[in-house]
Amino acid sequence: MKNETPIKIKDKLAKRVYKLSRETSKDTSYHLNKALENYLDETDELKEALKRLNNRKDKTISSKDFRKSLGI
């Protein structure tokens, strides 16, 4: 599904996106969608990490034990 949503972008960011578009031969929409997708993914991961951090029932292990479990 495609949806056109008007947004305001700071001039400095717009210039950077336009430059990237020229360098990669991909349009600005592609890069803006990728940037937004990455931001939302990172935000979701942060929320999940905070949820797990605050869950006292969630088992935690030390970094030493974690490395050991990976064999490093």
N, C-alpha and C. Protein backbone atom coordinates (compact mmCIF):
# COMPACT_ATOMS: atom_id res chain seq x y z
N MET A 1 0.84 -1.18 0.00
CA MET A 1 0.00 0.00 0.00
C MET A 1 0.88 1.24 0.00
N LYS A 2 0.59 2.14 -0.87
CA LYS A 2 1.32 3.40 -0.92
C LYS A 2 0.41 4.52 -0.46
N ASN A 3 0.99 5.40 0.31
CA ASN A 3 0.23 6.52 0.85
C ASN A 3 1.09 7.76 0.76
N GLU A 4 0.57 8.78 0.18
CA GLU A 4 1.31 10.04 0.11
C GLU A 4 0.98 10.86 1.34
N THR A 5 2.01 11.13 2.13
CA THR A 5 1.86 11.89 3.35
C THR A 5 2.79 13.09 3.30
N PRO A 6 2.23 14.28 3.29
CA PRO A 6 3.09 15.46 3.25
C PRO A 6 3.83 15.63 4.58
N ILE A 7 5.12 15.87 4.48
CA ILE A 7 5.92 16.12 5.68
C ILE A 7 6.84 17.30 5.43
N LYS A 8 7.27 17.93 6.50
CA LYS A 8 8.23 19.02 6.39
C LYS A 8 9.59 18.48 6.80
N ILE A 9 10.58 18.76 5.96
CA ILE A 9 11.94 18.30 6.20
C ILE A 9 12.86 19.51 6.26
N LYS A 10 13.73 19.52 7.24
CA LYS A 10 14.70 20.61 7.34
C LYS A 10 15.53 20.68 6.07
N ASP A 11 15.86 21.89 5.65
CA ASP A 11 16.63 22.09 4.41
C ASP A 11 17.91 21.27 4.38
N LYS A 12 18.61 21.25 5.50
CA LYS A 12 19.88 20.53 5.57
C LYS A 12 19.68 19.03 5.30
N LEU A 13 18.62 18.46 5.87
CA LEU A 13 18.33 17.04 5.64
C LEU A 13 17.89 16.79 4.21
N ALA A 14 17.06 17.68 3.68
CA ALA A 14 16.59 17.53 2.30
C ALA A 14 17.77 17.54 1.33
N LYS A 15 18.70 18.44 1.54
CA LYS A 15 19.88 18.50 0.67
C LYS A 15 20.67 17.21 0.72
N ARG A 16 20.79 16.65 1.92
CA ARG A 16 21.53 15.39 2.06
C ARG A 16 20.81 14.25 1.35
N VAL A 17 19.48 14.21 1.45
CA VAL A 17 18.72 13.16 0.78
C VAL A 17 18.80 13.32 -0.73
N TYR A 18 18.68 14.55 -1.22
CA TYR A 18 18.80 14.79 -2.67
C TYR A 18 20.17 14.37 -3.17
N LYS A 19 21.20 14.68 -2.42
CA LYS A 19 22.57 14.30 -2.81
C LYS A 19 22.69 12.78 -2.86
N LEU A 20 22.18 12.11 -1.83
CA LEU A 20 22.23 10.65 -1.79
C LEU A 20 21.46 10.05 -2.96
N SER A 21 20.34 10.64 -3.29
CA SER A 21 19.54 10.15 -4.42
C SER A 21 20.31 10.24 -5.73
N ARG A 22 20.99 11.35 -5.92
CA ARG A 22 21.79 11.50 -7.14
C ARG A 22 22.93 10.48 -7.18
N GLU A 23 23.56 10.25 -6.04
CA GLU A 23 24.71 9.35 -5.97
C GLU A 23 24.31 7.89 -6.16
N THR A 24 23.09 7.54 -5.77
CA THR A 24 22.67 6.14 -5.82
C THR A 24 21.68 5.83 -6.93
N SER A 25 21.22 6.83 -7.63
CA SER A 25 20.21 6.67 -8.68
C SER A 25 18.91 6.08 -8.15
N LYS A 26 18.64 6.32 -6.87
CA LYS A 26 17.36 5.92 -6.28
C LYS A 26 16.65 7.21 -5.87
N ASP A 27 15.32 7.22 -5.99
CA ASP A 27 14.62 8.46 -5.70
C ASP A 27 14.57 8.77 -4.20
N THR A 28 14.21 10.01 -3.92
CA THR A 28 14.20 10.45 -2.52
C THR A 28 13.19 9.67 -1.69
N SER A 29 12.08 9.29 -2.28
CA SER A 29 11.08 8.51 -1.55
C SER A 29 11.66 7.20 -1.06
N TYR A 30 12.47 6.57 -1.89
CA TYR A 30 13.11 5.31 -1.48
C TYR A 30 13.93 5.53 -0.21
N HIS A 31 14.78 6.55 -0.23
CA HIS A 31 15.66 6.79 0.91
C HIS A 31 14.90 7.24 2.15
N LEU A 32 13.88 8.07 1.97
CA LEU A 32 13.09 8.51 3.12
C LEU A 32 12.31 7.34 3.72
N ASN A 33 11.78 6.46 2.88
CA ASN A 33 11.07 5.28 3.39
C ASN A 33 12.02 4.36 4.14
N LYS A 34 13.23 4.15 3.61
CA LYS A 34 14.22 3.31 4.29
C LYS A 34 14.62 3.91 5.64
N ALA A 35 14.82 5.21 5.67
CA ALA A 35 15.21 5.88 6.91
C ALA A 35 14.10 5.76 7.95
N LEU A 36 12.88 5.96 7.53
CA LEU A 36 11.75 5.87 8.45
C LEU A 36 11.56 4.43 8.94
N GLU A 37 11.71 3.49 8.04
CA GLU A 37 11.59 2.08 8.40
C GLU A 37 12.66 1.69 9.44
N ASN A 38 13.89 2.13 9.21
CA ASN A 38 14.97 1.84 10.15
C ASN A 38 14.71 2.48 11.51
N TYR A 39 14.24 3.72 11.51
CA TYR A 39 13.94 4.42 12.75
C TYR A 39 12.84 3.68 13.53
N LEU A 40 11.79 3.28 12.84
CA LEU A 40 10.69 2.58 13.51
C LEU A 40 11.13 1.21 14.03
N ASP A 41 11.96 0.51 13.25
CA ASP A 41 12.49 -0.78 13.71
C ASP A 41 13.33 -0.61 14.97
N GLU A 42 14.20 0.40 14.98
CA GLU A 42 15.03 0.66 16.15
C GLU A 42 14.19 1.04 17.36
N THR A 43 13.15 1.83 17.14
CA THR A 43 12.26 2.23 18.23
C THR A 43 11.54 1.01 18.81
N ASP A 44 11.06 0.13 17.93
CA ASP A 44 10.41 -1.10 18.40
C ASP A 44 11.38 -1.97 19.19
N GLU A 45 12.61 -2.09 18.71
CA GLU A 45 13.62 -2.89 19.42
C GLU A 45 13.94 -2.28 20.77
N LEU A 46 14.02 -0.97 20.85
CA LEU A 46 14.29 -0.30 22.12
C LEU A 46 13.15 -0.54 23.10
N LYS A 47 11.90 -0.42 22.62
CA LYS A 47 10.76 -0.66 23.50
C LYS A 47 10.77 -2.10 24.03
N GLU A 48 11.10 -3.05 23.17
CA GLU A 48 11.15 -4.46 23.59
C GLU A 48 12.28 -4.67 24.60
N ALA A 49 13.42 -4.05 24.37
CA ALA A 49 14.54 -4.18 25.31
C ALA A 49 14.19 -3.59 26.67
N LEU A 50 13.53 -2.43 26.68
CA LEU A 50 13.12 -1.82 27.94
C LEU A 50 12.08 -2.68 28.66
N LYS A 51 11.17 -3.26 27.89
CA LYS A 51 10.16 -4.13 28.47
C LYS A 51 10.82 -5.34 29.13
N ARG A 52 11.78 -5.94 28.45
CA ARG A 52 12.49 -7.10 29.00
C ARG A 52 13.35 -6.71 30.18
N LEU A 53 13.94 -5.54 30.13
CA LEU A 53 14.78 -5.07 31.23
C LEU A 53 13.96 -4.89 32.50
N ASN A 54 12.73 -4.42 32.35
CA ASN A 54 11.87 -4.17 33.50
C ASN A 54 11.08 -5.39 33.96
N ASN A 55 11.19 -6.50 33.23
CA ASN A 55 10.49 -7.73 33.60
C ASN A 55 11.37 -8.54 34.54
N ARG A 56 11.04 -8.54 35.79
CA ARG A 56 11.85 -9.23 36.79
C ARG A 56 11.87 -10.74 36.59
N LYS A 57 10.89 -11.28 35.88
CA LYS A 57 10.83 -12.72 35.63
C LYS A 57 11.71 -13.15 34.47
N ASP A 58 12.15 -12.19 33.66
CA ASP A 58 12.97 -12.48 32.50
C ASP A 58 14.39 -12.82 32.96
N LYS A 59 14.87 -13.98 32.57
CA LYS A 59 16.19 -14.43 32.98
C LYS A 59 17.28 -13.60 32.31
N THR A 60 18.25 -13.18 33.09
CA THR A 60 19.40 -12.47 32.54
C THR A 60 20.67 -13.27 32.83
N ILE A 61 21.66 -13.10 31.97
CA ILE A 61 22.94 -13.76 32.18
C ILE A 61 24.04 -12.73 32.02
N SER A 62 25.19 -13.03 32.57
CA SER A 62 26.33 -12.12 32.48
C SER A 62 26.91 -12.17 31.08
N SER A 63 27.66 -11.14 30.72
CA SER A 63 28.30 -11.13 29.40
C SER A 63 29.30 -12.28 29.29
N LYS A 64 29.93 -12.62 30.40
CA LYS A 64 30.89 -13.74 30.41
C LYS A 64 30.17 -15.05 30.07
N ASP A 65 29.04 -15.30 30.71
CA ASP A 65 28.26 -16.51 30.42
C ASP A 65 27.71 -16.50 29.01
N PHE A 66 27.33 -15.31 28.52
CA PHE A 66 26.83 -15.21 27.16
C PHE A 66 27.91 -15.59 26.16
N ARG A 67 29.11 -15.03 26.33
CA ARG A 67 30.23 -15.36 25.44
C ARG A 67 30.54 -16.86 25.51
N LYS A 68 30.49 -17.41 26.72
CA LYS A 68 30.76 -18.83 26.90
C LYS A 68 29.74 -19.66 26.13
N SER A 69 28.47 -19.26 26.19
CA SER A 69 27.42 -19.99 25.48
C SER A 69 27.62 -19.96 23.96
N LEU A 70 28.28 -18.88 23.50
CA LEU A 70 28.58 -18.77 22.05
C LEU A 70 29.89 -19.43 21.67
N GLY A 71 30.64 -19.86 22.69
CA GLY A 71 31.92 -20.51 22.42
C GLY A 71 33.04 -19.53 22.09
N ILE A 72 32.95 -18.30 22.61
CA ILE A 72 34.00 -17.32 22.34
C ILE A 72 34.61 -16.81 23.62
